[in-house]
PDB file of N, CA and C in Angstrom:
ATOM      1  N   MET A   1     117.040 109.374 115.367  1.00  0.00           N
ATOM      2  CA  MET A   1     115.793 108.709 115.033  1.00  0.00           C
ATOM      3  C   MET A   1     114.839 109.691 114.352  1.00  0.00           C
ATOM      4  N   ARG A   2     114.790 110.912 114.843  1.00  0.00           N
ATOM      5  CA  ARG A   2     113.876 111.893 114.298  1.00  0.00           C
ATOM      6  C   ARG A   2     114.270 112.284 112.880  1.00  0.00           C
ATOM      7  N   LYS A   3     115.573 112.331 112.617  1.00  0.00           N
ATOM      8  CA  LYS A   3     116.020 112.706 111.275  1.00  0.00           C
ATOM      9  C   LYS A   3     115.615 111.665 110.245  1.00  0.00           C
ATOM     10  N   SER A   4     115.687 110.399 110.599  1.00  0.00           N
ATOM     11  CA  SER A   4     115.338 109.362 109.632  1.00  0.00           C
ATOM     12  C   SER A   4     113.855 109.448 109.252  1.00  0.00           C
ATOM     13  N   ARG A   5     113.005 109.791 110.193  1.00  0.00           N
ATOM     14  CA  ARG A   5     111.580 109.942 109.901  1.00  0.00           C
ATOM     15  C   ARG A   5     111.362 111.144 108.977  1.00  0.00           C
ATOM     16  N   PHE A   6     112.086 112.241 109.239  1.00  0.00           N
ATOM     17  CA  PHE A   6     111.980 113.424 108.398  1.00  0.00           C
ATOM     18  C   PHE A   6     112.490 113.127 106.996  1.00  0.00           C
ATOM     19  N   TYR A   7     113.615 112.430 106.882  1.00  0.00           N
ATOM     20  CA  TYR A   7     114.165 112.097 105.566  1.00  0.00           C
ATOM     21  C   TYR A   7     113.237 111.169 104.796  1.00  0.00           C
ATOM     22  N   ARG A   8     112.606 110.239 105.486  1.00  0.00           N
ATOM     23  CA  ARG A   8     111.668 109.335 104.831  1.00  0.00           C
ATOM     24  C   ARG A   8     110.454 110.104 104.303  1.00  0.00           C
ATOM     25  N   LEU A   9     109.936 111.036 105.095  1.00  0.00           N
ATOM     26  CA  LEU A   9     108.805 111.850 104.666  1.00  0.00           C
ATOM     27  C   LEU A   9     109.196 112.731 103.475  1.00  0.00           C
ATOM     28  N   ALA A  10     110.386 113.318 103.531  1.00  0.00           N
ATOM     29  CA  ALA A  10     110.851 114.152 102.420  1.00  0.00           C
ATOM     30  C   ALA A  10     111.017 113.323 101.152  1.00  0.00           C
ATOM     31  N   ALA A  11     111.506 112.103 101.282  1.00  0.00           N
ATOM     32  CA  ALA A  11     111.678 111.234 100.121  1.00  0.00           C
ATOM     33  C   ALA A  11     110.331 110.843  99.521  1.00  0.00           C
ATOM     34  N   VAL A  12     109.351 110.572 100.351  1.00  0.00           N
ATOM     35  CA  VAL A  12     108.018 110.224  99.858  1.00  0.00           C
ATOM     36  C   VAL A  12     107.395 111.404  99.120  1.00  0.00           C
ATOM     37  N   LEU A  13     107.511 112.604  99.693  1.00  0.00           N
ATOM     38  CA  LEU A  13     106.957 113.786  99.042  1.00  0.00           C
ATOM     39  C   LEU A  13     107.666 114.078  97.725  1.00  0.00           C
ATOM     40  N   ALA A  14     108.977 113.946  97.716  1.00  0.00           N
ATOM     41  CA  ALA A  14     109.733 114.205  96.492  1.00  0.00           C
ATOM     42  C   ALA A  14     109.408 113.181  95.413  1.00  0.00           C
ATOM     43  N   SER A  15     109.288 111.917  95.791  1.00  0.00           N
ATOM     44  CA  SER A  15     108.961 110.901  94.786  1.00  0.00           C
ATOM     45  C   SER A  15     107.538 111.088  94.262  1.00  0.00           C
ATOM     46  N   GLY A  16     106.615 111.509  95.124  1.00  0.00           N
ATOM     47  CA  GLY A  16     105.264 111.797  94.663  1.00  0.00           C
ATOM     48  C   GLY A  16     105.229 112.954  93.683  1.00  0.00           C
ATOM     49  N   ALA A  17     106.015 113.991  93.964  1.00  0.00           N
ATOM     50  CA  ALA A  17     106.082 115.135  93.049  1.00  0.00           C
ATOM     51  C   ALA A  17     106.691 114.723  91.710  1.00  0.00           C
ATOM     52  N   MET A  18     107.709 113.883  91.743  1.00  0.00           N
ATOM     53  CA  MET A  18     108.323 113.414  90.492  1.00  0.00           C
ATOM     54  C   MET A  18     107.349 112.564  89.688  1.00  0.00           C
ATOM     55  N   MET A  19     106.567 111.731  90.369  1.00  0.00           N
ATOM     56  CA  MET A  19     105.595 110.899  89.651  1.00  0.00           C
ATOM     57  C   MET A  19     104.521 111.754  88.989  1.00  0.00           C
ATOM     58  N   LEU A  20     104.083 112.828  89.672  1.00  0.00           N
ATOM     59  CA  LEU A  20     103.105 113.721  89.064  1.00  0.00           C
ATOM     60  C   LEU A  20     103.681 114.406  87.834  1.00  0.00           C
ATOM     61  N   GLN A  21     104.956 114.780  87.871  1.00  0.00           N
ATOM     62  CA  GLN A  21     105.580 115.427  86.721  1.00  0.00           C
ATOM     63  C   GLN A  21     105.782 114.444  85.580  1.00  0.00           C
ATOM     64  N   PHE A  22     106.165 113.220  85.884  1.00  0.00           N
ATOM     65  CA  PHE A  22     106.341 112.211  84.836  1.00  0.00           C
ATOM     66  C   PHE A  22     105.007 111.881  84.171  1.00  0.00           C
ATOM     67  N   ALA A  23     103.926 111.987  84.923  1.00  0.00           N
ATOM     68  CA  ALA A  23     102.603 111.690  84.373  1.00  0.00           C
ATOM     69  C   ALA A  23     102.071 112.836  83.519  1.00  0.00           C
ATOM     70  N   GLY A  24     102.797 113.926  83.456  1.00  0.00           N
ATOM     71  CA  GLY A  24     102.391 115.043  82.619  1.00  0.00           C
ATOM     72  C   GLY A  24     101.585 116.089  83.349  1.00  0.00           C
ATOM     73  N   CYS A  25     101.600 116.049  84.649  1.00  0.00           N
ATOM     74  CA  CYS A  25     100.865 117.018  85.450  1.00  0.00           C
ATOM     75  C   CYS A  25     101.695 118.305  85.558  1.00  0.00           C
ATOM     76  N   GLY A  26     101.100 119.412  85.200  1.00  0.00           N
ATOM     77  CA  GLY A  26     101.768 120.687  85.404  1.00  0.00           C
ATOM     78  C   GLY A  26     101.631 121.114  86.851  1.00  0.00           C
ATOM     79  N   SER A  27     102.243 122.221  87.201  1.00  0.00           N
ATOM     80  CA  SER A  27     102.184 122.655  88.597  1.00  0.00           C
ATOM     81  C   SER A  27     100.758 123.035  88.999  1.00  0.00           C
ATOM     82  N   ALA A  28      99.997 123.642  88.087  1.00  0.00           N
ATOM     83  CA  ALA A  28      98.613 124.002  88.412  1.00  0.00           C
ATOM     84  C   ALA A  28      97.770 122.752  88.633  1.00  0.00           C
ATOM     85  N   ASP A  29      97.969 121.736  87.794  1.00  0.00           N
ATOM     86  CA  ASP A  29      97.231 120.479  87.971  1.00  0.00           C
ATOM     87  C   ASP A  29      97.631 119.792  89.269  1.00  0.00           C
ATOM     88  N   ALA A  30      98.916 119.853  89.596  1.00  0.00           N
ATOM     89  CA  ALA A  30      99.389 119.228  90.833  1.00  0.00           C
ATOM     90  C   ALA A  30      98.771 119.916  92.037  1.00  0.00           C
ATOM     91  N   PHE A  31      98.684 121.252  92.003  1.00  0.00           N
ATOM     92  CA  PHE A  31      98.074 121.970  93.118  1.00  0.00           C
ATOM     93  C   PHE A  31      96.586 121.643  93.230  1.00  0.00           C
ATOM     94  N   ASP A  32      95.912 121.467  92.102  1.00  0.00           N
ATOM     95  CA  ASP A  32      94.498 121.059  92.136  1.00  0.00           C
ATOM     96  C   ASP A  32      94.354 119.675  92.755  1.00  0.00           C
ATOM     97  N   PHE A  33      95.262 118.769  92.403  1.00  0.00           N
ATOM     98  CA  PHE A  33      95.238 117.416  92.961  1.00  0.00           C
ATOM     99  C   PHE A  33      95.474 117.451  94.467  1.00  0.00           C
ATOM    100  N   ILE A  34      96.467 118.227  94.901  1.00  0.00           N
ATOM    101  CA  ILE A  34      96.768 118.330  96.330  1.00  0.00           C
ATOM    102  C   ILE A  34      95.591 118.959  97.071  1.00  0.00           C
ATOM    103  N   GLN A  35      94.986 119.966  96.478  1.00  0.00           N
ATOM    104  CA  GLN A  35      93.832 120.614  97.107  1.00  0.00           C
ATOM    105  C   GLN A  35      92.668 119.635  97.240  1.00  0.00           C
ATOM    106  N   THR A  36      92.471 118.793  96.232  1.00  0.00           N
ATOM    107  CA  THR A  36      91.399 117.800  96.284  1.00  0.00           C
ATOM    108  C   THR A  36      91.655 116.782  97.388  1.00  0.00           C
ATOM    109  N   VAL A  37      92.903 116.346  97.524  1.00  0.00           N
ATOM    110  CA  VAL A  37      93.251 115.388  98.580  1.00  0.00           C
ATOM    111  C   VAL A  37      93.009 116.012  99.953  1.00  0.00           C
ATOM    112  N   LEU A  38      93.458 117.255 100.135  1.00  0.00           N
ATOM    113  CA  LEU A  38      93.263 117.911 101.422  1.00  0.00           C
ATOM    114  C   LEU A  38      91.789 118.150 101.715  1.00  0.00           C
ATOM    115  N   LEU A  39      91.000 118.457 100.702  1.00  0.00           N
ATOM    116  CA  LEU A  39      89.560 118.627 100.886  1.00  0.00           C
ATOM    117  C   LEU A  39      88.916 117.315 101.307  1.00  0.00           C
ATOM    118  N   GLY A  40      89.362 116.201 100.710  1.00  0.00           N
ATOM    119  CA  GLY A  40      88.846 114.892 101.103  1.00  0.00           C
ATOM    120  C   GLY A  40      89.180 114.546 102.540  1.00  0.00           C
ATOM    121  N   ILE A  41      90.397 114.876 102.961  1.00  0.00           N
ATOM    122  CA  ILE A  41      90.804 114.624 104.349  1.00  0.00           C
ATOM    123  C   ILE A  41      89.961 115.467 105.299  1.00  0.00           C
ATOM    124  N   THR A  42      89.720 116.718 104.929  1.00  0.00           N
ATOM    125  CA  THR A  42      88.901 117.595 105.758  1.00  0.00           C
ATOM    126  C   THR A  42      87.472 117.080 105.858  1.00  0.00           C
ATOM    127  N   ALA A  43      86.930 116.617 104.734  1.00  0.00           N
ATOM    128  CA  ALA A  43      85.565 116.087 104.739  1.00  0.00           C
ATOM    129  C   ALA A  43      85.483 114.827 105.594  1.00  0.00           C
ATOM    130  N   ALA A  44      86.481 113.956 105.505  1.00  0.00           N
ATOM    131  CA  ALA A  44      86.470 112.741 106.315  1.00  0.00           C
ATOM    132  C   ALA A  44      86.548 113.091 107.798  1.00  0.00           C
ATOM    133  N   GLY A  45      87.356 114.084 108.136  1.00  0.00           N
ATOM    134  CA  GLY A  45      87.439 114.525 109.538  1.00  0.00           C
ATOM    135  C   GLY A  45      86.130 115.090 110.030  1.00  0.00           C
ATOM    136  N   ALA A  46      85.440 115.837 109.154  1.00  0.00           N
ATOM    137  CA  ALA A  46      84.155 116.399 109.532  1.00  0.00           C
ATOM    138  C   ALA A  46      83.127 115.298 109.774  1.00  0.00           C
ATOM    139  N   VAL A  47      83.146 114.269 108.957  1.00  0.00           N
ATOM    140  CA  VAL A  47      82.211 113.159 109.125  1.00  0.00           C
ATOM    141  C   VAL A  47      82.465 112.452 110.459  1.00  0.00           C
ATOM    142  N   VAL A  48      83.714 112.258 110.799  1.00  0.00           N
ATOM    143  CA  VAL A  48      84.040 111.607 112.079  1.00  0.00           C
ATOM    144  C   VAL A  48      83.574 112.463 113.245  1.00  0.00           C
ATOM    145  N   ILE A  49      83.805 113.762 113.154  1.00  0.00           N
ATOM    146  CA  ILE A  49      83.376 114.661 114.238  1.00  0.00           C
ATOM    147  C   ILE A  49      81.855 114.641 114.379  1.00  0.00           C
ATOM    148  N   ILE A  50      81.147 114.668 113.271  1.00  0.00           N
ATOM    149  CA  ILE A  50      79.679 114.648 113.310  1.00  0.00           C
ATOM    150  C   ILE A  50      79.170 113.337 113.888  1.00  0.00           C
ATOM    151  N   GLN A  51      79.805 112.231 113.554  1.00  0.00           N
ATOM    152  CA  GLN A  51      79.372 110.938 114.084  1.00  0.00           C
ATOM    153  C   GLN A  51      79.622 110.830 115.588  1.00  0.00           C
ATOM    154  N   GLU A  52      80.633 111.506 116.086  1.00  0.00           N
ATOM    155  CA  GLU A  52      80.937 111.443 117.516  1.00  0.00           C
ATOM    156  C   GLU A  52      80.007 112.305 118.360  1.00  0.00           C
ATOM    157  N   VAL A  53      79.329 113.266 117.723  1.00  0.00           N
ATOM    158  CA  VAL A  53      78.449 114.174 118.468  1.00  0.00           C
ATOM    159  C   VAL A  53      77.120 113.564 118.729  1.00  0.00           C
TER     160      VAL A  53
END
């Protein structure tokens, strides 16, 4: 059961990387995009923590 979840996650990540490459995103642009997504997740987490205090 655990392997199927790991394989599904790996497939999603690989397909996302392929879509970024097909769209013409270079590796530097892809890293900027990933960094922006992670920054958004961090900001959303901070907002939730602040609202709970």
